[in-house]
Amino acid sequence: MNSRSKADTVRRVFAAYISKDRQLVEKALADDFIFTSPYDNAIDRTEYFERCWPNNERMRSATVEKTFEQGEEVAVLYRVVTNEGKEFRNMELHRFHGDRISRVDVYFGATYKDGAFVRQQ
């Protein structure tokens, strides 16, 4: 990826979701990539692209609000607005091996619609 920083790589990956640039994301993720979220328990790269990549079709925007880089890790706080107008903020911890992302752990935040809190079921 040859980015200036690991945080820059994370920002480029978020932008690639909105621009539907799967090739950029594939280059950014290590071959032994692992993804964990409240819905996914340590899924591999192949399952990640099958299950998670299609979510970009529902995303109107993804804004990286803050990044914190330390050593081989980048924490990122971001806001997504869906095509239906729902907004949510999550945090992720990206771990790197060299210049490629080897692991992502997602932590969900609150959801909003038209500025009002939406209780999750």
Foldseek 3Di string as FASTA:
>chain_A
DPDPDLVVLVVVLQVCLQVVVVVSQVVQADQAAFEAEPVDDGDGPVVCCVPPSVCSQFWNHKAWDDWDDDDQKIKTWIWTATPQQKIWIKIWIFGDDPRHTRYIYIGGGFMDHPRHTDDDD
